[in-house]
Amino acid sequence: MFSPRTPSSVPGYDLENVTTLRCLDDAQSIASQAAGKDVVIAGTSFIGWFPSLLYCLICSSVFIRRRFYIAKVHYAGAHPVFDF
């Protein structure tokens, strides 16, 4: 099991409600804390993309950030949509 680590070189890493997403337990913990709130996922690996699909069902809004763009994640009917 991974221990929670957040890169200290990232501004804001020590703010309340900032956490890492490394495994299923992390994803479930974030989902339970984020229901009805806004969520931002920094990074676009599969570890960020797949939970974003769950989070957009239970959160107010979900955004994924990668270097030069931000995508809003939502569903159009039964299909996920990533607006860049």
Protein backbone atom coordinates (compact mmCIF):
# COMPACT_ATOMS: atom_id res chain seq x y z
CA MET A 1 0.00 0.00 0.00
CA PHE A 2 1.26 3.46 -0.85
CA SER A 3 1.66 6.04 1.84
CA PRO A 4 0.13 9.43 1.04
CA ARG A 5 2.68 11.68 -0.59
CA THR A 6 2.16 15.06 -2.13
CA PRO A 7 5.07 16.73 -3.91
CA SER A 8 6.24 19.63 -1.77
CA SER A 9 7.32 21.44 -4.94
CA VAL A 10 3.65 21.93 -5.93
CA PRO A 11 2.27 25.24 -4.60
CA GLY A 12 -0.66 24.57 -2.28
CA TYR A 13 0.26 20.97 -1.55
CA ASP A 14 -0.30 21.58 2.15
CA LEU A 15 -3.77 23.14 1.82
CA GLU A 16 -6.81 21.51 3.37
CA ASN A 17 -8.57 19.00 1.06
CA VAL A 18 -5.52 18.51 -1.18
CA THR A 19 -4.65 14.83 -1.46
CA THR A 20 -2.98 12.31 -3.71
CA LEU A 21 -4.73 9.74 -5.87
CA ARG A 22 -2.68 6.56 -6.13
CA CYS A 23 -5.04 3.64 -5.59
CA LEU A 24 -8.67 2.56 -5.35
CA ASP A 25 -8.84 3.36 -1.62
CA ASP A 26 -7.72 6.95 -2.37
CA ALA A 27 -10.36 7.28 -5.11
CA GLN A 28 -13.11 6.04 -2.79
CA SER A 29 -12.01 8.31 0.04
CA ILE A 30 -12.00 11.33 -2.26
CA ALA A 31 -15.44 10.39 -3.61
CA SER A 32 -16.93 10.20 -0.13
CA GLN A 33 -15.48 13.60 0.83
CA ALA A 34 -16.24 15.36 -2.46
CA ALA A 35 -19.91 14.55 -3.00
CA GLY A 36 -21.68 17.74 -4.06
CA LYS A 37 -18.45 19.77 -4.21
CA ASP A 38 -16.15 20.92 -6.99
CA VAL A 39 -13.18 18.65 -7.79
CA VAL A 40 -9.97 19.41 -9.67
CA ILE A 41 -7.67 16.58 -10.70
CA ALA A 42 -4.12 17.62 -11.60
CA GLY A 43 -2.64 15.14 -14.04
CA THR A 44 -4.16 13.15 -16.84
CA SER A 45 -2.87 9.62 -16.45
CA PHE A 46 -5.39 6.80 -16.35
CA ILE A 47 -5.34 7.15 -12.56
CA GLY A 48 -6.90 10.62 -12.97
CA TRP A 49 -9.19 9.98 -15.94
CA PHE A 50 -11.10 6.97 -14.64
CA PRO A 51 -12.04 8.36 -11.20
CA SER A 52 -13.10 11.60 -12.89
CA LEU A 53 -15.91 9.65 -14.56
CA LEU A 54 -17.19 8.57 -11.15
CA TYR A 55 -16.70 11.97 -9.56
CA CYS A 56 -18.73 13.77 -12.22
CA LEU A 57 -21.75 11.68 -11.20
CA ILE A 58 -21.58 12.72 -7.53
CA CYS A 59 -19.78 16.08 -7.49
CA SER A 60 -20.93 19.56 -8.42
CA SER A 61 -18.29 19.85 -11.15
CA VAL A 62 -15.09 18.06 -12.12
CA PHE A 63 -12.09 19.52 -13.91
CA ILE A 64 -8.92 17.77 -15.04
CA ARG A 65 -5.80 19.89 -15.44
CA ARG A 66 -2.74 19.03 -17.46
CA ARG A 67 0.01 21.51 -18.23
CA PHE A 68 -1.62 23.72 -20.86
CA TYR A 69 -5.29 22.82 -20.73
CA ILE A 70 -8.19 22.20 -18.38
CA ALA A 71 -11.01 19.82 -19.30
CA LYS A 72 -14.46 19.83 -17.75
CA VAL A 73 -15.80 16.30 -17.33
CA HIS A 74 -19.52 15.56 -17.55
CA TYR A 75 -21.99 13.11 -19.02
CA ALA A 76 -24.15 13.62 -22.10
CA GLY A 77 -26.73 10.91 -21.65
CA ALA A 78 -24.78 7.73 -20.91
CA HIS A 79 -21.53 8.93 -22.47
CA PRO A 80 -18.71 10.84 -20.77
CA VAL A 81 -17.67 14.13 -22.36
CA PHE A 82 -14.38 15.95 -21.85
CA ASP A 83 -14.70 19.62 -22.84
CA PHE A 84 -11.29 21.14 -23.50
